[in-house]
């Protein structure tokens, strides 16, 4: 379990570094398309934060789908032993919850971005 937490932490850290490393390009692109005053930096900063959140949610979705596949394999290889089946079902349910939550969060972010800009 700790191994999965360390791997997910690594993905989150890499995604944060990836988004923040591209910050000047994102700011320039957003500044060119702003319908309001281009001198305010708060709108550009909020767009960068939305991009960061969206990237982190994408990584959560990928990790949840991978976890779902692993838990299905665990279920198939359980040989109907009660403890293993129970553990696999638990993982399947929670990975489905995280897939649903990440898809819902991405939809909410897209709706907010379409209304805001």
PDB file of N, CA and C in Angstrom:
ATOM      1  N   UNK A   1       0.823  -1.184   0.000  1.00  0.00           N
ATOM      2  CA  UNK A   1       0.000   0.000   0.000  1.00  0.00           C
ATOM      3  C   UNK A   1       0.871   1.254   0.000  1.00  0.00           C
ATOM      4  N   UNK A   2       1.945   1.235   0.792  1.00  0.00           N
ATOM      5  CA  UNK A   2       2.826   2.390   0.839  1.00  0.00           C
ATOM      6  C   UNK A   2       3.472   2.635  -0.520  1.00  0.00           C
ATOM      7  N   UNK A   3       3.741   1.556  -1.230  1.00  0.00           N
ATOM      8  CA  UNK A   3       4.354   1.688  -2.544  1.00  0.00           C
ATOM      9  C   UNK A   3       3.440   2.483  -3.483  1.00  0.00           C
ATOM     10  N   UNK A   4       2.127   2.210  -3.435  1.00  0.00           N
ATOM     11  CA  UNK A   4       1.181   2.928  -4.283  1.00  0.00           C
ATOM     12  C   UNK A   4       1.091   4.405  -3.885  1.00  0.00           C
ATOM     13  N   UNK A   5       1.166   4.666  -2.587  1.00  0.00           N
ATOM     14  CA  UNK A   5       1.134   6.054  -2.138  1.00  0.00           C
ATOM     15  C   UNK A   5       2.372   6.811  -2.607  1.00  0.00           C
ATOM     16  N   UNK A   6       3.523   6.172  -2.545  1.00  0.00           N
ATOM     17  CA  UNK A   6       4.748   6.822  -3.006  1.00  0.00           C
ATOM     18  C   UNK A   6       4.716   7.068  -4.509  1.00  0.00           C
ATOM     19  N   UNK A   7       4.178   6.116  -5.258  1.00  0.00           N
ATOM     20  CA  UNK A   7       4.090   6.290  -6.712  1.00  0.00           C
ATOM     21  C   UNK A   7       3.115   7.413  -7.052  1.00  0.00           C
ATOM     22  N   UNK A   8       1.974   7.468  -6.375  1.00  0.00           N
ATOM     23  CA  UNK A   8       1.016   8.543  -6.650  1.00  0.00           C
ATOM     24  C   UNK A   8       1.590   9.895  -6.232  1.00  0.00           C
ATOM     25  N   UNK A   9       2.330   9.943  -5.133  1.00  0.00           N
ATOM     26  CA  UNK A   9       2.986  11.183  -4.724  1.00  0.00           C
ATOM     27  C   UNK A   9       3.998  11.621  -5.777  1.00  0.00           C
ATOM     28  N   UNK A  10       4.725  10.683  -6.348  1.00  0.00           N
ATOM     29  CA  UNK A  10       5.687  10.995  -7.391  1.00  0.00           C
ATOM     30  C   UNK A  10       4.985  11.590  -8.614  1.00  0.00           C
ATOM     31  N   UNK A  11       3.852  11.003  -9.026  1.00  0.00           N
ATOM     32  CA  UNK A  11       3.100  11.539 -10.160  1.00  0.00           C
ATOM     33  C   UNK A  11       2.608  12.954  -9.881  1.00  0.00           C
ATOM     34  N   UNK A  12       2.130  13.202  -8.675  1.00  0.00           N
ATOM     35  CA  UNK A  12       1.628  14.532  -8.328  1.00  0.00           C
ATOM     36  C   UNK A  12       2.757  15.547  -8.352  1.00  0.00           C
ATOM     37  N   UNK A  13       3.892  15.193  -7.777  1.00  0.00           N
ATOM     38  CA  UNK A  13       5.030  16.119  -7.769  1.00  0.00           C
ATOM     39  C   UNK A  13       5.515  16.402  -9.182  1.00  0.00           C
ATOM     40  N   UNK A  14       5.580  15.373 -10.018  1.00  0.00           N
ATOM     41  CA  UNK A  14       6.011  15.582 -11.399  1.00  0.00           C
ATOM     42  C   UNK A  14       5.021  16.427 -12.183  1.00  0.00           C
ATOM     43  N   UNK A  15       3.732  16.247 -11.931  1.00  0.00           N
ATOM     44  CA  UNK A  15       2.741  17.048 -12.646  1.00  0.00           C
ATOM     45  C   UNK A  15       2.804  18.501 -12.208  1.00  0.00           C
ATOM     46  N   UNK A  16       3.031  18.752 -10.916  1.00  0.00           N
ATOM     47  CA  UNK A  16       3.154  20.131 -10.445  1.00  0.00           C
ATOM     48  C   UNK A  16       4.376  20.782 -11.079  1.00  0.00           C
ATOM     49  N   UNK A  17       5.484  20.071 -11.104  1.00  0.00           N
ATOM     50  CA  UNK A  17       6.684  20.629 -11.724  1.00  0.00           C
ATOM     51  C   UNK A  17       6.480  20.866 -13.211  1.00  0.00           C
ATOM     52  N   UNK A  18       5.763  19.984 -13.874  1.00  0.00           N
ATOM     53  CA  UNK A  18       5.512  20.119 -15.304  1.00  0.00           C
ATOM     54  C   UNK A  18       4.675  21.360 -15.594  1.00  0.00           C
ATOM     55  N   UNK A  19       3.626  21.567 -14.819  1.00  0.00           N
ATOM     56  CA  UNK A  19       2.758  22.720 -15.048  1.00  0.00           C
ATOM     57  C   UNK A  19       3.473  24.018 -14.689  1.00  0.00           C
ATOM     58  N   UNK A  20       4.179  24.031 -13.578  1.00  0.00           N
ATOM     59  CA  UNK A  20       4.852  25.256 -13.170  1.00  0.00           C
ATOM     60  C   UNK A  20       6.038  25.578 -14.070  1.00  0.00           C
ATOM     61  N   UNK A  21       6.647  24.578 -14.664  1.00  0.00           N
ATOM     62  CA  UNK A  21       7.744  24.835 -15.579  1.00  0.00           C
ATOM     63  C   UNK A  21       7.246  25.487 -16.862  1.00  0.00           C
ATOM     64  N   UNK A  22       6.003  25.211 -17.244  1.00  0.00           N
ATOM     65  CA  UNK A  22       5.433  25.783 -18.452  1.00  0.00           C
ATOM     66  C   UNK A  22       4.644  27.057 -18.182  1.00  0.00           C
ATOM     67  N   UNK A  23       4.751  27.610 -17.014  1.00  0.00           N
ATOM     68  CA  UNK A  23       3.955  28.761 -16.623  1.00  0.00           C
ATOM     69  C   UNK A  23       4.089  29.944 -17.580  1.00  0.00           C
ATOM     70  N   UNK A  24       5.282  30.348 -18.007  1.00  0.00           N
ATOM     71  CA  UNK A  24       5.354  31.499 -18.908  1.00  0.00           C
ATOM     72  C   UNK A  24       4.614  31.276 -20.226  1.00  0.00           C
ATOM     73  N   UNK A  25       4.659  30.073 -20.783  1.00  0.00           N
ATOM     74  CA  UNK A  25       3.946  29.800 -22.027  1.00  0.00           C
ATOM     75  C   UNK A  25       2.441  29.867 -21.808  1.00  0.00           C
ATOM     76  N   UNK A  26       1.970  29.346 -20.690  1.00  0.00           N
ATOM     77  CA  UNK A  26       0.545  29.377 -20.390  1.00  0.00           C
ATOM     78  C   UNK A  26       0.103  30.819 -20.185  1.00  0.00           C
ATOM     79  N   UNK A  27       0.895  31.581 -19.457  1.00  0.00           N
ATOM     80  CA  UNK A  27       0.537  32.978 -19.210  1.00  0.00           C
ATOM     81  C   UNK A  27       0.467  33.755 -20.514  1.00  0.00           C
ATOM     82  N   UNK A  28       1.434  33.567 -21.407  1.00  0.00           N
ATOM     83  CA  UNK A  28       1.425  34.281 -22.674  1.00  0.00           C
ATOM     84  C   UNK A  28       0.205  33.902 -23.503  1.00  0.00           C
ATOM     85  N   UNK A  29      -0.124  32.609 -23.549  1.00  0.00           N
ATOM     86  CA  UNK A  29      -1.276  32.155 -24.310  1.00  0.00           C
ATOM     87  C   UNK A  29      -2.578  32.715 -23.743  1.00  0.00           C
ATOM     88  N   UNK A  30      -2.689  32.726 -22.426  1.00  0.00           N
ATOM     89  CA  UNK A  30      -3.902  33.220 -21.795  1.00  0.00           C
ATOM     90  C   UNK A  30      -4.014  34.734 -21.959  1.00  0.00           C
ATOM     91  N   UNK A  31      -2.898  35.444 -21.820  1.00  0.00           N
ATOM     92  CA  UNK A  31      -2.931  36.898 -21.958  1.00  0.00           C
ATOM     93  C   UNK A  31      -3.370  37.328 -23.351  1.00  0.00           C
ATOM     94  N   UNK A  32      -3.038  36.555 -24.357  1.00  0.00           N
ATOM     95  CA  UNK A  32      -3.436  36.902 -25.716  1.00  0.00           C
ATOM     96  C   UNK A  32      -4.941  36.737 -25.927  1.00  0.00           C
ATOM     97  N   UNK A  33      -5.571  35.856 -25.166  1.00  0.00           N
ATOM     98  CA  UNK A  33      -6.991  35.572 -25.366  1.00  0.00           C
ATOM     99  C   UNK A  33      -7.904  36.193 -24.318  1.00  0.00           C
ATOM    100  N   UNK A  34      -7.373  37.047 -23.462  1.00  0.00           N
ATOM    101  CA  UNK A  34      -8.198  37.631 -22.412  1.00  0.00           C
ATOM    102  C   UNK A  34      -9.132  38.696 -22.987  1.00  0.00           C
ATOM    103  N   UNK A  35     -10.426  38.621 -22.635  1.00  0.00           N
ATOM    104  CA  UNK A  35     -11.348  39.646 -23.131  1.00  0.00           C
ATOM    105  C   UNK A  35     -11.342  40.910 -22.281  1.00  0.00           C
ATOM    106  N   UNK A  36     -10.662  40.915 -21.166  1.00  0.00           N
ATOM    107  CA  UNK A  36     -10.629  42.077 -20.286  1.00  0.00           C
ATOM    108  C   UNK A  36      -9.229  42.671 -20.258  1.00  0.00           C
ATOM    109  N   UNK A  37      -8.994  43.531 -19.308  1.00  0.00           N
ATOM    110  CA  UNK A  37      -7.729  44.249 -19.206  1.00  0.00           C
ATOM    111  C   UNK A  37      -6.575  43.280 -19.028  1.00  0.00           C
ATOM    112  N   UNK A  38      -5.563  43.399 -19.889  1.00  0.00           N
ATOM    113  CA  UNK A  38      -4.443  42.459 -19.870  1.00  0.00           C
ATOM    114  C   UNK A  38      -3.385  42.803 -18.825  1.00  0.00           C
ATOM    115  N   UNK A  39      -3.573  43.883 -18.108  1.00  0.00           N
ATOM    116  CA  UNK A  39      -2.566  44.256 -17.114  1.00  0.00           C
ATOM    117  C   UNK A  39      -2.767  43.539 -15.791  1.00  0.00           C
ATOM    118  N   UNK A  40      -3.942  42.972 -15.564  1.00  0.00           N
ATOM    119  CA  UNK A  40      -4.174  42.279 -14.296  1.00  0.00           C
ATOM    120  C   UNK A  40      -3.586  40.877 -14.370  1.00  0.00           C
ATOM    121  N   UNK A  41      -2.838  40.528 -13.366  1.00  0.00           N
ATOM    122  CA  UNK A  41      -2.201  39.209 -13.359  1.00  0.00           C
ATOM    123  C   UNK A  41      -2.996  38.186 -12.564  1.00  0.00           C
ATOM    124  N   UNK A  42      -4.037  38.611 -11.849  1.00  0.00           N
ATOM    125  CA  UNK A  42      -4.803  37.652 -11.045  1.00  0.00           C
ATOM    126  C   UNK A  42      -5.554  36.676 -11.929  1.00  0.00           C
ATOM    127  N   UNK A  43      -6.072  37.124 -13.071  1.00  0.00           N
ATOM    128  CA  UNK A  43      -6.808  36.236 -13.967  1.00  0.00           C
ATOM    129  C   UNK A  43      -5.870  35.198 -14.580  1.00  0.00           C
ATOM    130  N   UNK A  44      -4.663  35.626 -14.922  1.00  0.00           N
ATOM    131  CA  UNK A  44      -3.681  34.711 -15.494  1.00  0.00           C
ATOM    132  C   UNK A  44      -3.250  33.698 -14.447  1.00  0.00           C
ATOM    133  N   UNK A  45      -3.050  34.153 -13.229  1.00  0.00           N
ATOM    134  CA  UNK A  45      -2.655  33.254 -12.151  1.00  0.00           C
ATOM    135  C   UNK A  45      -3.757  32.235 -11.871  1.00  0.00           C
ATOM    136  N   UNK A  46      -5.010  32.670 -11.890  1.00  0.00           N
ATOM    137  CA  UNK A  46      -6.099  31.721 -11.650  1.00  0.00           C
ATOM    138  C   UNK A  46      -6.171  30.684 -12.762  1.00  0.00           C
ATOM    139  N   UNK A  47      -5.883  31.089 -14.004  1.00  0.00           N
ATOM    140  CA  UNK A  47      -5.876  30.133 -15.117  1.00  0.00           C
ATOM    141  C   UNK A  47      -4.764  29.101 -14.914  1.00  0.00           C
ATOM    142  N   UNK A  48      -3.610  29.532 -14.425  1.00  0.00           N
ATOM    143  CA  UNK A  48      -2.512  28.603 -14.159  1.00  0.00           C
ATOM    144  C   UNK A  48      -2.913  27.616 -13.071  1.00  0.00           C
ATOM    145  N   UNK A  49      -3.589  28.094 -12.038  1.00  0.00           N
ATOM    146  CA  UNK A  49      -4.031  27.203 -10.971  1.00  0.00           C
ATOM    147  C   UNK A  49      -5.070  26.215 -11.481  1.00  0.00           C
ATOM    148  N   UNK A  50      -5.986  26.664 -12.362  1.00  0.00           N
ATOM    149  CA  UNK A  50      -6.961  25.744 -12.931  1.00  0.00           C
ATOM    150  C   UNK A  50      -6.268  24.679 -13.766  1.00  0.00           C
ATOM    151  N   UNK A  51      -5.233  25.073 -14.498  1.00  0.00           N
ATOM    152  CA  UNK A  51      -4.475  24.097 -15.285  1.00  0.00           C
ATOM    153  C   UNK A  51      -3.780  23.094 -14.366  1.00  0.00           C
ATOM    154  N   UNK A  52      -3.230  23.579 -13.262  1.00  0.00           N
ATOM    155  CA  UNK A  52      -2.572  22.702 -12.294  1.00  0.00           C
ATOM    156  C   UNK A  52      -3.563  21.703 -11.701  1.00  0.00           C
ATOM    157  N   UNK A  53      -4.724  22.187 -11.312  1.00  0.00           N
ATOM    158  CA  UNK A  53      -5.745  21.311 -10.741  1.00  0.00           C
ATOM    159  C   UNK A  53      -6.210  20.291 -11.774  1.00  0.00           C
ATOM    160  N   UNK A  54      -6.417  20.733 -13.009  1.00  0.00           N
ATOM    161  CA  UNK A  54      -6.864  19.818 -14.063  1.00  0.00           C
ATOM    162  C   UNK A  54      -5.827  18.732 -14.326  1.00  0.00           C
ATOM    163  N   UNK A  55      -4.547  19.107 -14.313  1.00  0.00           N
ATOM    164  CA  UNK A  55      -3.489  18.127 -14.529  1.00  0.00           C
ATOM    165  C   UNK A  55      -3.447  17.110 -13.386  1.00  0.00           C
ATOM    166  N   UNK A  56      -3.598  17.575 -12.166  1.00  0.00           N
ATOM    167  CA  UNK A  56      -3.587  16.656 -11.030  1.00  0.00           C
ATOM    168  C   UNK A  56      -4.783  15.709 -11.082  1.00  0.00           C
ATOM    169  N   UNK A  57      -5.942  16.224 -11.510  1.00  0.00           N
ATOM    170  CA  UNK A  57      -7.125  15.370 -11.610  1.00  0.00           C
ATOM    171  C   UNK A  57      -6.938  14.322 -12.699  1.00  0.00           C
ATOM    172  N   UNK A  58      -6.274  14.689 -13.787  1.00  0.00           N
ATOM    173  CA  UNK A  58      -6.004  13.711 -14.845  1.00  0.00           C
ATOM    174  C   UNK A  58      -5.119  12.580 -14.326  1.00  0.00           C
ATOM    175  N   UNK A  59      -4.103  12.929 -13.530  1.00  0.00           N
ATOM    176  CA  UNK A  59      -3.244  11.893 -12.953  1.00  0.00           C
ATOM    177  C   UNK A  59      -4.020  11.009 -11.980  1.00  0.00           C
ATOM    178  N   UNK A  60      -4.918  11.602 -11.208  1.00  0.00           N
ATOM    179  CA  UNK A  60      -5.746  10.808 -10.295  1.00  0.00           C
ATOM    180  C   UNK A  60      -6.616   9.837 -11.094  1.00  0.00           C
ATOM    181  N   UNK A  61      -7.164  10.307 -12.208  1.00  0.00           N
ATOM    182  CA  UNK A  61      -8.000   9.437 -13.048  1.00  0.00           C
ATOM    183  C   UNK A  61      -7.185   8.280 -13.619  1.00  0.00           C
ATOM    184  N   UNK A  62      -5.980   8.568 -14.072  1.00  0.00           N
ATOM    185  CA  UNK A  62      -5.125   7.511 -14.623  1.00  0.00           C
ATOM    186  C   UNK A  62      -4.771   6.495 -13.543  1.00  0.00           C
ATOM    187  N   UNK A  63      -4.413   6.971 -12.377  1.00  0.00           N
ATOM    188  CA  UNK A  63      -4.080   6.070 -11.274  1.00  0.00           C
ATOM    189  C   UNK A  63      -5.302   5.246 -10.872  1.00  0.00           C
ATOM    190  N   UNK A  64      -6.483   5.862 -10.873  1.00  0.00           N
ATOM    191  CA  UNK A  64      -7.702   5.127 -10.517  1.00  0.00           C
ATOM    192  C   UNK A  64      -8.018   4.036 -11.542  1.00  0.00           C
ATOM    193  N   UNK A  65      -7.821   4.322 -12.815  1.00  0.00           N
ATOM    194  CA  UNK A  65      -8.086   3.307 -13.844  1.00  0.00           C
ATOM    195  C   UNK A  65      -7.071   2.166 -13.731  1.00  0.00           C
ATOM    196  N   UNK A  66      -5.818   2.502 -13.497  1.00  0.00           N
ATOM    197  CA  UNK A  66      -4.797   1.465 -13.312  1.00  0.00           C
ATOM    198  C   UNK A  66      -5.130   0.613 -12.083  1.00  0.00           C
ATOM    199  N   UNK A  67      -5.548   1.265 -11.008  1.00  0.00           N
ATOM    200  CA  UNK A  67      -5.936   0.535  -9.806  1.00  0.00           C
ATOM    201  C   UNK A  67      -7.145  -0.354 -10.074  1.00  0.00           C
ATOM    202  N   UNK A  68      -8.083   0.127 -10.885  1.00  0.00           N
ATOM    203  CA  UNK A  68      -9.237  -0.682 -11.243  1.00  0.00           C
ATOM    204  C   UNK A  68      -8.819  -1.935 -12.007  1.00  0.00           C
ATOM    205  N   UNK A  69      -7.904  -1.778 -12.945  1.00  0.00           N
ATOM    206  CA  UNK A  69      -7.430  -2.947 -13.703  1.00  0.00           C
ATOM    207  C   UNK A  69      -6.700  -3.937 -12.793  1.00  0.00           C
ATOM    208  N   UNK A  70      -5.871  -3.424 -11.896  1.00  0.00           N
ATOM    209  CA  UNK A  70      -5.145  -4.299 -10.977  1.00  0.00           C
ATOM    210  C   UNK A  70      -6.120  -5.019 -10.046  1.00  0.00           C
ATOM    211  N   UNK A  71      -7.146  -4.305  -9.583  1.00  0.00           N
ATOM    212  CA  UNK A  71      -8.103  -4.943  -8.675  1.00  0.00           C
ATOM    213  C   UNK A  71      -8.940  -6.001  -9.391  1.00  0.00           C
ATOM    214  N   UNK A  72      -9.244  -5.799 -10.696  1.00  0.00           N
ATOM    215  CA  UNK A  72      -9.938  -6.851 -11.445  1.00  0.00           C
ATOM    216  C   UNK A  72      -9.042  -8.083 -11.591  1.00  0.00           C
ATOM    217  N   UNK A  73      -7.770  -7.864 -11.806  1.00  0.00           N
ATOM    218  CA  UNK A  73      -6.834  -8.990 -11.885  1.00  0.00           C
ATOM    219  C   UNK A  73      -6.761  -9.706 -10.536  1.00  0.00           C
ATOM    220  N   UNK A  74      -6.749  -8.904  -9.446  1.00  0.00           N
ATOM    221  CA  UNK A  74      -6.766  -9.516  -8.109  1.00  0.00           C
ATOM    222  C   UNK A  74      -8.017 -10.374  -7.921  1.00  0.00           C
ATOM    223  N   UNK A  75      -9.157  -9.875  -8.408  1.00  0.00           N
ATOM    224  CA  UNK A  75     -10.409 -10.619  -8.276  1.00  0.00           C
ATOM    225  C   UNK A  75     -10.374 -11.911  -9.085  1.00  0.00           C
ATOM    226  N   UNK A  76      -9.837 -11.825 -10.284  1.00  0.00           N
ATOM    227  CA  UNK A  76      -9.768 -13.015 -11.125  1.00  0.00           C
ATOM    228  C   UNK A  76      -8.807 -14.072 -10.576  1.00  0.00           C
ATOM    229  N   UNK A  77      -7.760 -13.625  -9.917  1.00  0.00           N
ATOM    230  CA  UNK A  77      -6.764 -14.551  -9.383  1.00  0.00           C
ATOM    231  C   UNK A  77      -7.024 -14.964  -7.933  1.00  0.00           C
ATOM    232  N   UNK A  78      -8.169 -14.597  -7.388  1.00  0.00           N
ATOM    233  CA  UNK A  78      -8.430 -14.867  -5.969  1.00  0.00           C
ATOM    234  C   UNK A  78      -8.783 -16.319  -5.666  1.00  0.00           C
ATOM    235  N   UNK A  79      -9.126 -17.093  -6.686  1.00  0.00           N
ATOM    236  CA  UNK A  79      -9.501 -18.505  -6.513  1.00  0.00           C
ATOM    237  C   UNK A  79     -10.652 -18.664  -5.521  1.00  0.00           C
ATOM    238  N   UNK A  80     -11.543 -17.700  -5.485  1.00  0.00           N
ATOM    239  CA  UNK A  80     -12.735 -17.683  -4.652  1.00  0.00           C
ATOM    240  C   UNK A  80     -12.461 -17.830  -3.163  1.00  0.00           C
ATOM    241  N   UNK A  81     -11.264 -17.459  -2.754  1.00  0.00           N
ATOM    242  CA  UNK A  81     -10.981 -17.410  -1.320  1.00  0.00           C
ATOM    243  C   UNK A  81     -11.653 -16.155  -0.767  1.00  0.00           C
ATOM    244  N   UNK A  82     -12.371 -16.335   0.320  1.00  0.00           N
ATOM    245  CA  UNK A  82     -13.242 -15.274   0.823  1.00  0.00           C
ATOM    246  C   UNK A  82     -12.489 -13.975   1.137  1.00  0.00           C
ATOM    247  N   UNK A  83     -11.352 -14.090   1.774  1.00  0.00           N
ATOM    248  CA  UNK A  83     -10.596 -12.892   2.159  1.00  0.00           C
ATOM    249  C   UNK A  83     -10.068 -12.144   0.927  1.00  0.00           C
ATOM    250  N   UNK A  84      -9.552 -12.882  -0.033  1.00  0.00           N
ATOM    251  CA  UNK A  84      -9.021 -12.255  -1.245  1.00  0.00           C
ATOM    252  C   UNK A  84     -10.130 -11.617  -2.092  1.00  0.00           C
ATOM    253  N   UNK A  85     -11.288 -12.291  -2.158  1.00  0.00           N
ATOM    254  CA  UNK A  85     -12.415 -11.748  -2.910  1.00  0.00           C
ATOM    255  C   UNK A  85     -12.916 -10.459  -2.257  1.00  0.00           C
ATOM    256  N   UNK A  86     -12.992 -10.465  -0.952  1.00  0.00           N
ATOM    257  CA  UNK A  86     -13.450  -9.283  -0.222  1.00  0.00           C
ATOM    258  C   UNK A  86     -12.490  -8.106  -0.443  1.00  0.00           C
ATOM    259  N   UNK A  87     -11.202  -8.385  -0.383  1.00  0.00           N
ATOM    260  CA  UNK A  87     -10.208  -7.335  -0.605  1.00  0.00           C
ATOM    261  C   UNK A  87     -10.275  -6.801  -2.039  1.00  0.00           C
ATOM    262  N   UNK A  88     -10.437  -7.687  -3.004  1.00  0.00           N
ATOM    263  CA  UNK A  88     -10.521  -7.264  -4.411  1.00  0.00           C
ATOM    264  C   UNK A  88     -11.785  -6.444  -4.656  1.00  0.00           C
ATOM    265  N   UNK A  89     -12.913  -6.853  -4.083  1.00  0.00           N
ATOM    266  CA  UNK A  89     -14.148  -6.085  -4.241  1.00  0.00           C
ATOM    267  C   UNK A  89     -14.018  -4.696  -3.622  1.00  0.00           C
ATOM    268  N   UNK A  90     -13.353  -4.634  -2.483  1.00  0.00           N
ATOM    269  CA  UNK A  90     -13.118  -3.335  -1.825  1.00  0.00           C
ATOM    270  C   UNK A  90     -12.314  -2.417  -2.744  1.00  0.00           C
ATOM    271  N   UNK A  91     -11.258  -2.923  -3.338  1.00  0.00           N
ATOM    272  CA  UNK A  91     -10.427  -2.133  -4.257  1.00  0.00           C
ATOM    273  C   UNK A  91     -11.218  -1.729  -5.500  1.00  0.00           C
ATOM    274  N   UNK A  92     -12.047  -2.635  -6.020  1.00  0.00           N
ATOM    275  CA  UNK A  92     -12.847  -2.328  -7.214  1.00  0.00           C
ATOM    276  C   UNK A  92     -13.822  -1.193  -6.913  1.00  0.00           C
ATOM    277  N   UNK A  93     -14.500  -1.267  -5.794  1.00  0.00           N
ATOM    278  CA  UNK A  93     -15.480  -0.229  -5.442  1.00  0.00           C
ATOM    279  C   UNK A  93     -14.798   1.123  -5.296  1.00  0.00           C
ATOM    280  N   UNK A  94     -13.681   1.172  -4.566  1.00  0.00           N
ATOM    281  CA  UNK A  94     -13.039   2.460  -4.341  1.00  0.00           C
ATOM    282  C   UNK A  94     -12.367   3.012  -5.598  1.00  0.00           C
ATOM    283  N   UNK A  95     -11.865   2.150  -6.448  1.00  0.00           N
ATOM    284  CA  UNK A  95     -11.291   2.671  -7.693  1.00  0.00           C
ATOM    285  C   UNK A  95     -12.392   3.180  -8.619  1.00  0.00           C
ATOM    286  N   UNK A  96     -13.558   2.547  -8.627  1.00  0.00           N
ATOM    287  CA  UNK A  96     -14.684   3.079  -9.391  1.00  0.00           C
ATOM    288  C   UNK A  96     -15.149   4.424  -8.840  1.00  0.00           C
ATOM    289  N   UNK A  97     -15.152   4.555  -7.520  1.00  0.00           N
ATOM    290  CA  UNK A  97     -15.508   5.844  -6.912  1.00  0.00           C
ATOM    291  C   UNK A  97     -14.530   6.928  -7.354  1.00  0.00           C
ATOM    292  N   UNK A  98     -13.238   6.639  -7.344  1.00  0.00           N
ATOM    293  CA  UNK A  98     -12.249   7.635  -7.744  1.00  0.00           C
ATOM    294  C   UNK A  98     -12.312   7.950  -9.227  1.00  0.00           C
ATOM    295  N   UNK A  99     -12.626   6.957 -10.051  1.00  0.00           N
ATOM    296  CA  UNK A  99     -12.810   7.234 -11.487  1.00  0.00           C
ATOM    297  C   UNK A  99     -13.998   8.178 -11.670  1.00  0.00           C
ATOM    298  N   UNK A 100     -15.102   7.888 -11.000  1.00  0.00           N
ATOM    299  CA  UNK A 100     -16.283   8.742 -11.098  1.00  0.00           C
ATOM    300  C   UNK A 100     -15.998  10.151 -10.587  1.00  0.00           C
ATOM    301  N   UNK A 101     -15.324  10.257  -9.449  1.00  0.00           N
ATOM    302  CA  UNK A 101     -15.005  11.576  -8.895  1.00  0.00           C
ATOM    303  C   UNK A 101     -14.090  12.381  -9.808  1.00  0.00           C
ATOM    304  N   UNK A 102     -13.097  11.740 -10.391  1.00  0.00           N
ATOM    305  CA  UNK A 102     -12.181  12.481 -11.258  1.00  0.00           C
ATOM    306  C   UNK A 102     -12.865  12.923 -12.546  1.00  0.00           C
ATOM    307  N   UNK A 103     -13.739  12.081 -13.105  1.00  0.00           N
ATOM    308  CA  UNK A 103     -14.482  12.487 -14.305  1.00  0.00           C
ATOM    309  C   UNK A 103     -15.435  13.631 -13.960  1.00  0.00           C
ATOM    310  N   UNK A 104     -16.081  13.553 -12.819  1.00  0.00           N
ATOM    311  CA  UNK A 104     -16.978  14.629 -12.399  1.00  0.00           C
ATOM    312  C   UNK A 104     -16.215  15.929 -12.161  1.00  0.00           C
ATOM    313  N   UNK A 105     -15.056  15.824 -11.544  1.00  0.00           N
ATOM    314  CA  UNK A 105     -14.255  17.023 -11.285  1.00  0.00           C
ATOM    315  C   UNK A 105     -13.786  17.668 -12.585  1.00  0.00           C
ATOM    316  N   UNK A 106     -13.378  16.861 -13.550  1.00  0.00           N
ATOM    317  CA  UNK A 106     -12.970  17.419 -14.845  1.00  0.00           C
ATOM    318  C   UNK A 106     -14.145  18.103 -15.533  1.00  0.00           C
ATOM    319  N   UNK A 107     -15.337  17.523 -15.437  1.00  0.00           N
ATOM    320  CA  UNK A 107     -16.517  18.147 -16.036  1.00  0.00           C
ATOM    321  C   UNK A 107     -16.828  19.483 -15.362  1.00  0.00           C
ATOM    322  N   UNK A 108     -16.719  19.525 -14.045  1.00  0.00           N
ATOM    323  CA  UNK A 108     -16.968  20.772 -13.318  1.00  0.00           C
ATOM    324  C   UNK A 108     -15.946  21.833 -13.704  1.00  0.00           C
ATOM    325  N   UNK A 109     -14.685  21.445 -13.831  1.00  0.00           N
ATOM    326  CA  UNK A 109     -13.651  22.416 -14.213  1.00  0.00           C
ATOM    327  C   UNK A 109     -13.922  22.944 -15.624  1.00  0.00           C
ATOM    328  N   UNK A 110     -14.304  22.077 -16.546  1.00  0.00           N
ATOM    329  CA  UNK A 110     -14.611  22.534 -17.907  1.00  0.00           C
ATOM    330  C   UNK A 110     -15.805  23.471 -17.927  1.00  0.00           C
ATOM    331  N   UNK A 111     -16.819  23.198 -17.115  1.00  0.00           N
ATOM    332  CA  UNK A 111     -17.981  24.084 -17.038  1.00  0.00           C
ATOM    333  C   UNK A 111     -17.591  25.434 -16.467  1.00  0.00           C
ATOM    334  N   UNK A 112     -16.802  25.421 -15.387  1.00  0.00           N
ATOM    335  CA  UNK A 112     -16.355  26.686 -14.785  1.00  0.00           C
ATOM    336  C   UNK A 112     -15.513  27.485 -15.748  1.00  0.00           C
ATOM    337  N   UNK A 113     -14.606  26.833 -16.462  1.00  0.00           N
ATOM    338  CA  UNK A 113     -13.764  27.549 -17.426  1.00  0.00           C
ATOM    339  C   UNK A 113     -14.583  28.102 -18.582  1.00  0.00           C
ATOM    340  N   UNK A 114     -15.609  27.385 -19.016  1.00  0.00           N
ATOM    341  CA  UNK A 114     -16.417  27.900 -20.124  1.00  0.00           C
ATOM    342  C   UNK A 114     -17.276  29.083 -19.684  1.00  0.00           C
ATOM    343  N   UNK A 115     -17.689  29.106 -18.431  1.00  0.00           N
ATOM    344  CA  UNK A 115     -18.478  30.228 -17.923  1.00  0.00           C
ATOM    345  C   UNK A 115     -17.574  31.419 -17.616  1.00  0.00           C
ATOM    346  N   UNK A 116     -16.424  31.141 -17.007  1.00  0.00           N
ATOM    347  CA  UNK A 116     -15.524  32.209 -16.556  1.00  0.00           C
ATOM    348  C   UNK A 116     -14.867  32.955 -17.714  1.00  0.00           C
ATOM    349  N   UNK A 117     -14.458  32.236 -18.742  1.00  0.00           N
ATOM    350  CA  UNK A 117     -13.715  32.898 -19.834  1.00  0.00           C
ATOM    351  C   UNK A 117     -14.574  32.963 -21.060  1.00  0.00           C
TER     352      UNK A 117
END
